[in-house]
């Protein structure tokens, strides 16, 4: 019974795959956000910004580039960075090369809080994601995730060391 109910409906196999994947897309960010809020007082989105800044050269990134990494509008990013600035974790300033552009820089305090939040975050990701997979499955997940992201057009996505 793999036939769709309607020509534009899912097949049974597609529906099984999609419903599992969609459930993971909904539940995983909520679990990660809850852990970060509880343990570090920040959202998953904010942690992602701090982590990207912590890995950037000079711990500084143009706001427009950071928005691309976070798949965020500049408006949403600006509000999040403003919250991080109020906490003393990020500082915004004009780009020294092009003053029309704003950069975000991770402060020493921001680096400390990112370093403090990372072990519990990594442990949870290892438990929820990698603990459920074999090494081969993890490789396949990376390949499949990259392929899906590329089909969406995520050319500006964050990559380690990039």
N, C-alpha and C. Protein backbone atom coordinates (compact mmCIF):
# COMPACT_ATOMS: atom_id res chain seq x y z
N UNK A 1 0.85 -1.19 0.00
CA UNK A 1 0.00 0.00 0.00
C UNK A 1 0.88 1.24 0.00
N UNK A 2 1.73 1.35 -0.98
CA UNK A 2 2.65 2.47 -1.10
C UNK A 2 2.11 3.54 -2.04
N UNK A 3 0.87 3.38 -2.47
CA UNK A 3 0.28 4.35 -3.40
C UNK A 3 -0.28 5.54 -2.63
N UNK A 4 -0.06 6.75 -3.14
CA UNK A 4 -0.60 7.93 -2.46
C UNK A 4 -2.12 7.96 -2.54
N UNK A 5 -2.72 8.66 -1.59
CA UNK A 5 -4.17 8.81 -1.58
C UNK A 5 -4.64 9.70 -2.72
N UNK A 6 -3.79 10.58 -3.13
CA UNK A 6 -4.08 11.54 -4.19
C UNK A 6 -2.78 11.71 -4.98
N UNK A 7 -2.84 11.99 -6.25
CA UNK A 7 -1.59 12.09 -7.04
C UNK A 7 -0.55 13.07 -6.46
N UNK A 8 -0.99 14.05 -5.69
CA UNK A 8 -0.03 15.00 -5.11
C UNK A 8 0.28 14.68 -3.65
N UNK A 9 -0.25 13.58 -3.13
CA UNK A 9 -0.01 13.20 -1.74
C UNK A 9 1.27 12.37 -1.65
N UNK A 10 1.76 12.19 -0.42
CA UNK A 10 2.93 11.37 -0.17
C UNK A 10 2.62 9.89 -0.39
N UNK A 11 3.63 9.14 -0.81
CA UNK A 11 3.50 7.69 -0.75
C UNK A 11 3.67 7.30 0.72
N UNK A 12 3.36 6.07 1.05
CA UNK A 12 3.50 5.62 2.44
C UNK A 12 4.96 5.73 2.89
N UNK A 13 5.90 5.34 2.02
CA UNK A 13 7.32 5.43 2.38
C UNK A 13 7.75 6.88 2.56
N UNK A 14 7.31 7.76 1.65
CA UNK A 14 7.65 9.19 1.78
C UNK A 14 7.08 9.75 3.08
N UNK A 15 5.84 9.41 3.38
CA UNK A 15 5.21 9.93 4.59
C UNK A 15 5.93 9.44 5.84
N UNK A 16 6.34 8.19 5.86
CA UNK A 16 7.08 7.67 7.01
C UNK A 16 8.40 8.39 7.21
N UNK A 17 9.11 8.60 6.11
CA UNK A 17 10.39 9.31 6.19
C UNK A 17 10.17 10.76 6.58
N UNK A 18 9.24 11.42 5.89
CA UNK A 18 9.01 12.84 6.15
C UNK A 18 8.53 13.08 7.57
N UNK A 19 7.61 12.25 8.07
CA UNK A 19 7.08 12.49 9.42
C UNK A 19 8.17 12.30 10.47
N UNK A 20 9.04 11.32 10.28
CA UNK A 20 10.15 11.13 11.22
C UNK A 20 11.12 12.32 11.17
N UNK A 21 11.45 12.74 9.97
CA UNK A 21 12.38 13.86 9.79
C UNK A 21 11.78 15.16 10.33
N UNK A 22 10.51 15.42 10.02
CA UNK A 22 9.84 16.63 10.49
C UNK A 22 9.73 16.65 12.01
N UNK A 23 9.48 15.51 12.61
CA UNK A 23 9.43 15.42 14.07
C UNK A 23 10.78 15.78 14.67
N UNK A 24 11.84 15.24 14.10
CA UNK A 24 13.20 15.55 14.57
C UNK A 24 13.48 17.05 14.41
N UNK A 25 13.07 17.63 13.27
CA UNK A 25 13.28 19.06 13.04
C UNK A 25 12.58 19.92 14.10
N UNK A 26 11.46 19.46 14.58
CA UNK A 26 10.71 20.20 15.60
C UNK A 26 11.25 19.96 17.01
N UNK A 27 11.54 18.73 17.34
CA UNK A 27 11.90 18.38 18.72
C UNK A 27 13.34 18.69 19.08
N UNK A 28 14.28 18.48 18.17
CA UNK A 28 15.69 18.68 18.51
C UNK A 28 16.00 20.12 18.89
N UNK A 29 15.58 21.13 18.12
CA UNK A 29 15.89 22.50 18.53
C UNK A 29 15.28 22.87 19.89
N UNK A 30 14.10 22.35 20.18
CA UNK A 30 13.45 22.64 21.47
C UNK A 30 14.28 22.05 22.60
N UNK A 31 14.77 20.82 22.43
CA UNK A 31 15.59 20.19 23.48
C UNK A 31 16.90 20.95 23.67
N UNK A 32 17.54 21.36 22.58
CA UNK A 32 18.79 22.11 22.68
C UNK A 32 18.56 23.47 23.32
N UNK A 33 17.48 24.13 22.92
CA UNK A 33 17.16 25.45 23.48
C UNK A 33 16.89 25.35 24.98
N UNK A 34 16.16 24.33 25.40
CA UNK A 34 15.83 24.17 26.82
C UNK A 34 17.10 23.98 27.65
N UNK A 35 18.02 23.15 27.16
CA UNK A 35 19.27 22.92 27.89
C UNK A 35 20.08 24.19 28.00
N UNK A 36 20.20 24.93 26.91
CA UNK A 36 21.00 26.16 26.93
C UNK A 36 20.35 27.23 27.82
N UNK A 37 19.04 27.35 27.77
CA UNK A 37 18.34 28.31 28.64
C UNK A 37 18.56 27.95 30.10
N UNK A 38 18.39 26.68 30.42
CA UNK A 38 18.52 26.22 31.81
C UNK A 38 19.95 26.39 32.33
N UNK A 39 20.91 25.96 31.54
CA UNK A 39 22.29 25.91 32.02
C UNK A 39 23.08 27.21 31.80
N UNK A 40 22.73 27.97 30.77
CA UNK A 40 23.56 29.12 30.40
C UNK A 40 22.78 30.42 30.22
N UNK A 41 21.46 30.35 30.31
CA UNK A 41 20.66 31.57 30.21
C UNK A 41 20.65 32.19 28.83
N UNK A 42 20.80 31.37 27.81
CA UNK A 42 20.76 31.89 26.44
C UNK A 42 19.96 30.94 25.57
N UNK A 43 19.49 31.47 24.44
CA UNK A 43 18.76 30.64 23.50
C UNK A 43 19.74 29.88 22.60
N UNK A 44 19.22 28.89 21.92
CA UNK A 44 20.02 28.13 20.96
C UNK A 44 20.51 29.07 19.85
N UNK A 45 19.67 29.99 19.42
CA UNK A 45 20.05 30.96 18.39
C UNK A 45 21.21 31.83 18.88
N UNK A 46 21.11 32.31 20.11
CA UNK A 46 22.19 33.14 20.67
C UNK A 46 23.48 32.35 20.81
N UNK A 47 23.37 31.11 21.26
CA UNK A 47 24.57 30.27 21.38
C UNK A 47 25.22 30.09 20.01
N UNK A 48 24.42 29.85 18.99
CA UNK A 48 24.96 29.69 17.65
C UNK A 48 25.73 30.92 17.19
N UNK A 49 25.23 32.10 17.52
CA UNK A 49 25.93 33.34 17.17
C UNK A 49 27.25 33.44 17.92
N UNK A 50 27.21 33.18 19.22
CA UNK A 50 28.43 33.24 20.03
C UNK A 50 29.45 32.21 19.55
N UNK A 51 28.98 31.01 19.24
CA UNK A 51 29.88 29.96 18.80
C UNK A 51 30.53 30.33 17.46
N UNK A 52 29.74 30.85 16.52
CA UNK A 52 30.29 31.27 15.23
C UNK A 52 31.33 32.36 15.42
N UNK A 53 31.04 33.33 16.29
CA UNK A 53 32.02 34.39 16.56
C UNK A 53 33.27 33.83 17.22
N UNK A 54 33.11 32.85 18.09
CA UNK A 54 34.27 32.28 18.79
C UNK A 54 35.21 31.57 17.83
N UNK A 55 34.70 31.11 16.70
CA UNK A 55 35.50 30.38 15.73
C UNK A 55 36.03 31.26 14.60
N UNK A 56 35.58 32.51 14.56
CA UNK A 56 35.97 33.42 13.48
C UNK A 56 37.34 34.05 13.75
N UNK A 57 38.03 34.39 12.69
CA UNK A 57 39.31 35.07 12.83
C UNK A 57 39.10 36.40 13.55
N UNK A 58 39.86 36.62 14.60
CA UNK A 58 39.72 37.83 15.39
C UNK A 58 38.43 37.89 16.18
N UNK A 59 37.69 36.77 16.18
CA UNK A 59 36.39 36.69 16.84
C UNK A 59 35.45 37.81 16.40
N UNK A 60 35.60 38.20 15.13
CA UNK A 60 34.82 39.30 14.56
C UNK A 60 34.25 38.87 13.22
N UNK A 61 32.97 39.20 13.00
CA UNK A 61 32.29 38.87 11.75
C UNK A 61 31.39 40.04 11.38
N UNK A 62 31.29 40.32 10.09
CA UNK A 62 30.33 41.32 9.62
C UNK A 62 28.92 40.84 9.97
N UNK A 63 28.08 41.78 10.36
CA UNK A 63 26.70 41.42 10.74
C UNK A 63 25.99 40.73 9.59
N UNK A 64 26.18 41.18 8.37
CA UNK A 64 25.51 40.57 7.22
C UNK A 64 25.98 39.12 7.04
N UNK A 65 27.25 38.86 7.26
CA UNK A 65 27.78 37.50 7.16
C UNK A 65 27.23 36.64 8.28
N UNK A 66 27.18 37.20 9.48
CA UNK A 66 26.63 36.47 10.63
C UNK A 66 25.16 36.13 10.39
N UNK A 67 24.42 37.04 9.77
CA UNK A 67 23.01 36.77 9.44
C UNK A 67 22.91 35.60 8.48
N UNK A 68 23.83 35.53 7.52
CA UNK A 68 23.83 34.41 6.59
C UNK A 68 24.13 33.10 7.29
N UNK A 69 25.12 33.11 8.19
CA UNK A 69 25.45 31.90 8.95
C UNK A 69 24.23 31.41 9.73
N UNK A 70 23.51 32.36 10.32
CA UNK A 70 22.39 32.02 11.20
C UNK A 70 21.07 31.86 10.45
N UNK A 71 21.10 32.05 9.12
CA UNK A 71 19.88 32.01 8.32
C UNK A 71 18.83 32.94 8.94
N UNK A 72 19.28 34.16 9.20
CA UNK A 72 18.47 35.13 9.92
C UNK A 72 18.34 36.42 9.13
N UNK A 73 17.25 37.12 9.35
CA UNK A 73 17.15 38.46 8.81
C UNK A 73 18.08 39.36 9.63
N UNK A 74 18.48 40.46 9.03
CA UNK A 74 19.32 41.42 9.78
C UNK A 74 18.57 41.96 10.98
N UNK A 75 17.26 42.11 10.86
CA UNK A 75 16.46 42.62 11.98
C UNK A 75 16.48 41.65 13.16
N UNK A 76 16.24 40.38 12.92
CA UNK A 76 16.27 39.38 14.00
C UNK A 76 17.67 39.29 14.60
N UNK A 77 18.67 39.29 13.72
CA UNK A 77 20.04 39.22 14.18
C UNK A 77 20.38 40.43 15.04
N UNK A 78 19.98 41.61 14.61
CA UNK A 78 20.28 42.83 15.34
C UNK A 78 19.67 42.80 16.74
N UNK A 79 18.44 42.31 16.86
CA UNK A 79 17.80 42.20 18.18
C UNK A 79 18.56 41.22 19.07
N UNK A 80 18.97 40.08 18.50
CA UNK A 80 19.71 39.09 19.29
C UNK A 80 21.06 39.64 19.71
N UNK A 81 21.76 40.29 18.79
CA UNK A 81 23.08 40.84 19.13
C UNK A 81 22.92 41.96 20.16
N UNK A 82 21.85 42.72 20.09
CA UNK A 82 21.62 43.76 21.11
C UNK A 82 21.47 43.13 22.50
N UNK A 83 20.77 41.99 22.58
CA UNK A 83 20.64 41.28 23.87
C UNK A 83 22.02 40.81 24.35
N UNK A 84 22.83 40.29 23.42
CA UNK A 84 24.16 39.82 23.78
C UNK A 84 25.07 40.98 24.17
N UNK A 85 24.87 42.13 23.54
CA UNK A 85 25.65 43.33 23.90
C UNK A 85 25.31 43.78 25.32
N UNK A 86 24.02 43.78 25.66
CA UNK A 86 23.59 44.20 26.99
C UNK A 86 24.22 43.32 28.07
N UNK A 87 24.49 42.08 27.73
CA UNK A 87 25.11 41.15 28.68
C UNK A 87 26.63 41.25 28.66
N UNK A 88 27.16 42.07 27.76
CA UNK A 88 28.60 42.26 27.67
C UNK A 88 29.33 41.15 26.92
N UNK A 89 28.59 40.37 26.12
CA UNK A 89 29.17 39.22 25.43
C UNK A 89 29.61 39.54 24.00
N UNK A 90 29.03 40.57 23.42
CA UNK A 90 29.32 40.96 22.04
C UNK A 90 29.41 42.47 21.98
N UNK A 91 30.23 42.95 21.08
CA UNK A 91 30.34 44.39 20.85
C UNK A 91 30.20 44.64 19.35
N UNK A 92 29.36 45.60 19.00
CA UNK A 92 29.22 45.99 17.59
C UNK A 92 30.04 47.24 17.34
N UNK A 93 30.60 47.33 16.14
CA UNK A 93 31.36 48.52 15.77
C UNK A 93 31.43 48.61 14.25
N UNK A 94 31.73 49.81 13.74
CA UNK A 94 31.90 49.95 12.29
C UNK A 94 33.12 49.15 11.83
N UNK A 95 33.01 48.57 10.66
CA UNK A 95 34.13 47.84 10.07
C UNK A 95 35.25 48.83 9.80
N UNK A 96 36.48 48.54 10.25
CA UNK A 96 37.59 49.48 10.05
C UNK A 96 37.94 49.69 8.58
N UNK A 97 37.60 48.74 7.72
CA UNK A 97 37.89 48.87 6.29
C UNK A 97 36.77 49.60 5.56
N UNK A 98 35.54 49.31 5.94
CA UNK A 98 34.38 49.92 5.31
C UNK A 98 33.41 50.34 6.41
N UNK A 99 33.47 51.60 6.80
CA UNK A 99 32.68 52.12 7.91
C UNK A 99 31.18 52.03 7.71
N UNK A 100 30.74 51.74 6.50
CA UNK A 100 29.30 51.58 6.25
C UNK A 100 28.79 50.24 6.76
N UNK A 101 29.71 49.33 7.06
CA UNK A 101 29.38 47.97 7.48
C UNK A 101 29.61 47.84 8.98
N UNK A 102 28.72 47.11 9.64
CA UNK A 102 28.85 46.87 11.07
C UNK A 102 29.38 45.47 11.30
N UNK A 103 30.30 45.36 12.25
CA UNK A 103 30.83 44.05 12.64
C UNK A 103 30.37 43.73 14.06
N UNK A 104 30.37 42.44 14.36
CA UNK A 104 30.12 41.96 15.72
C UNK A 104 31.39 41.26 16.19
N UNK A 105 31.81 41.59 17.40
CA UNK A 105 33.01 41.00 17.97
C UNK A 105 32.67 40.35 19.30
N UNK A 106 33.13 39.14 19.49
CA UNK A 106 32.94 38.44 20.75
C UNK A 106 33.89 39.04 21.78
N UNK A 107 33.36 39.43 22.93
CA UNK A 107 34.18 40.00 23.99
C UNK A 107 34.83 38.87 24.79
N UNK A 108 35.83 39.19 25.61
CA UNK A 108 36.40 38.15 26.48
C UNK A 108 35.34 37.48 27.37
N UNK A 109 34.40 38.27 27.87
CA UNK A 109 33.32 37.71 28.68
C UNK A 109 32.44 36.78 27.84
N UNK A 110 32.18 37.17 26.59
CA UNK A 110 31.41 36.33 25.68
C UNK A 110 32.12 35.03 25.36
N UNK A 111 33.43 35.11 25.22
CA UNK A 111 34.21 33.90 24.98
C UNK A 111 34.14 32.98 26.18
N UNK A 112 34.23 33.55 27.38
CA UNK A 112 34.15 32.75 28.61
C UNK A 112 32.80 32.04 28.70
N UNK A 113 31.72 32.75 28.42
CA UNK A 113 30.39 32.15 28.54
C UNK A 113 30.18 31.10 27.45
N UNK A 114 30.74 31.32 26.27
CA UNK A 114 30.64 30.33 25.19
C UNK A 114 31.40 29.07 25.57
N UNK A 115 32.61 29.26 26.08
CA UNK A 115 33.40 28.10 26.52
C UNK A 115 32.71 27.35 27.65
N UNK A 116 32.06 28.06 28.54
CA UNK A 116 31.36 27.41 29.66
C UNK A 116 30.12 26.65 29.18
N UNK A 117 29.44 27.17 28.17
CA UNK A 117 28.21 26.54 27.68
C UNK A 117 28.48 25.34 26.78
N UNK A 118 29.62 25.33 26.13
CA UNK A 118 29.88 24.33 25.09
C UNK A 118 29.92 22.88 25.59
N UNK A 119 30.56 22.55 26.71
CA UNK A 119 30.61 21.13 27.10
C UNK A 119 29.22 20.49 27.28
N UNK A 120 28.30 21.16 27.94
CA UNK A 120 26.97 20.58 28.14
C UNK A 120 26.20 20.51 26.83
N UNK A 121 26.38 21.50 25.99
CA UNK A 121 25.72 21.52 24.67
C UNK A 121 26.23 20.35 23.83
N UNK A 122 27.56 20.19 23.76
CA UNK A 122 28.14 19.10 22.97
C UNK A 122 27.69 17.76 23.55
N UNK A 123 27.65 17.63 24.85
CA UNK A 123 27.22 16.38 25.48
C UNK A 123 25.79 16.04 25.08
N UNK A 124 24.91 17.04 25.06
CA UNK A 124 23.52 16.78 24.69
C UNK A 124 23.42 16.40 23.21
N UNK A 125 24.14 17.10 22.35
CA UNK A 125 24.13 16.75 20.92
C UNK A 125 24.66 15.33 20.74
N UNK A 126 25.72 15.01 21.44
CA UNK A 126 26.27 13.65 21.34
C UNK A 126 25.25 12.62 21.80
N UNK A 127 24.52 12.92 22.86
CA UNK A 127 23.51 11.99 23.36
C UNK A 127 22.34 11.86 22.39
N UNK A 128 21.77 13.00 22.00
CA UNK A 128 20.55 12.97 21.19
C UNK A 128 20.79 12.60 19.74
N UNK A 129 21.92 12.99 19.18
CA UNK A 129 22.16 12.76 17.75
C UNK A 129 23.15 11.61 17.56
N UNK A 130 24.38 11.81 17.97
CA UNK A 130 25.42 10.82 17.69
C UNK A 130 25.24 9.54 18.49
N UNK A 131 24.65 9.63 19.68
CA UNK A 131 24.42 8.43 20.48
C UNK A 131 23.38 7.51 19.87
N UNK A 132 22.59 8.04 18.94
CA UNK A 132 21.56 7.24 18.28
C UNK A 132 22.06 6.63 16.97
N UNK A 133 23.28 6.98 16.55
CA UNK A 133 23.77 6.59 15.23
C UNK A 133 25.10 5.85 15.32
N UNK A 134 25.35 5.01 14.33
CA UNK A 134 26.68 4.43 14.17
C UNK A 134 27.55 5.48 13.49
N UNK A 135 28.85 5.25 13.46
CA UNK A 135 29.75 6.17 12.76
C UNK A 135 29.37 6.33 11.30
N UNK A 136 29.03 5.22 10.65
CA UNK A 136 28.61 5.28 9.25
C UNK A 136 27.33 6.07 9.07
N UNK A 137 26.39 5.90 9.99
CA UNK A 137 25.14 6.66 9.90
C UNK A 137 25.38 8.15 10.11
N UNK A 138 26.30 8.49 11.01
CA UNK A 138 26.63 9.91 11.23
C UNK A 138 27.22 10.52 9.95
N UNK A 139 28.10 9.78 9.29
CA UNK A 139 28.65 10.26 8.00
C UNK A 139 27.54 10.45 6.99
N UNK A 140 26.63 9.50 6.93
CA UNK A 140 25.51 9.58 5.99
C UNK A 140 24.61 10.76 6.33
N UNK A 141 24.38 10.99 7.62
CA UNK A 141 23.57 12.13 8.04
C UNK A 141 24.21 13.44 7.58
N UNK A 142 25.53 13.55 7.74
CA UNK A 142 26.23 14.75 7.28
C UNK A 142 26.05 14.94 5.78
N UNK A 143 26.23 13.86 5.03
CA UNK A 143 26.11 13.94 3.57
C UNK A 143 24.68 14.32 3.16
N UNK A 144 23.72 13.67 3.75
CA UNK A 144 22.32 13.94 3.42
C UNK A 144 21.94 15.36 3.83
N UNK A 145 22.34 15.78 5.03
CA UNK A 145 22.02 17.14 5.50
C UNK A 145 22.63 18.19 4.58
N UNK A 146 23.87 17.98 4.17
CA UNK A 146 24.52 18.93 3.26
C UNK A 146 23.81 18.97 1.92
N UNK A 147 23.40 17.81 1.44
CA UNK A 147 22.71 17.74 0.17
C UNK A 147 21.37 18.48 0.23
N UNK A 148 20.63 18.27 1.31
CA UNK A 148 19.34 18.96 1.46
C UNK A 148 19.57 20.46 1.59
N UNK A 149 20.53 20.87 2.42
CA UNK A 149 20.82 22.30 2.59
C UNK A 149 21.21 22.92 1.25
N UNK A 150 21.99 22.23 0.47
CA UNK A 150 22.39 22.76 -0.84
C UNK A 150 21.20 22.91 -1.78
N UNK A 151 20.25 21.98 -1.70
CA UNK A 151 19.07 22.08 -2.56
C UNK A 151 18.18 23.25 -2.16
N UNK A 152 18.27 23.65 -0.91
CA UNK A 152 17.51 24.81 -0.43
C UNK A 152 18.20 26.09 -0.87
N UNK A 153 19.50 26.01 -1.06
CA UNK A 153 20.26 27.18 -1.48
C UNK A 153 21.03 27.80 -0.34
N UNK A 154 21.48 26.99 0.58
CA UNK A 154 22.16 27.49 1.77
C UNK A 154 23.65 27.73 1.51
N UNK A 155 23.95 28.50 0.47
CA UNK A 155 25.35 28.75 0.12
C UNK A 155 26.09 29.51 1.21
N UNK A 156 25.41 30.34 1.99
CA UNK A 156 26.06 31.14 3.01
C UNK A 156 26.13 30.48 4.37
N UNK A 157 25.81 29.19 4.41
CA UNK A 157 25.75 28.54 5.72
C UNK A 157 27.13 28.48 6.36
N UNK A 158 27.14 28.40 7.68
CA UNK A 158 28.37 28.36 8.44
C UNK A 158 29.01 26.99 8.26
N UNK A 159 30.31 27.00 8.03
CA UNK A 159 31.07 25.76 7.99
C UNK A 159 32.27 25.93 8.91
N UNK A 160 32.64 24.88 9.63
CA UNK A 160 33.77 24.98 10.55
C UNK A 160 35.01 25.50 9.83
N UNK A 161 35.64 26.49 10.41
CA UNK A 161 36.85 27.05 9.85
C UNK A 161 36.60 27.92 8.63
N UNK A 162 35.34 28.16 8.31
CA UNK A 162 35.05 28.92 7.09
C UNK A 162 34.62 30.32 7.32
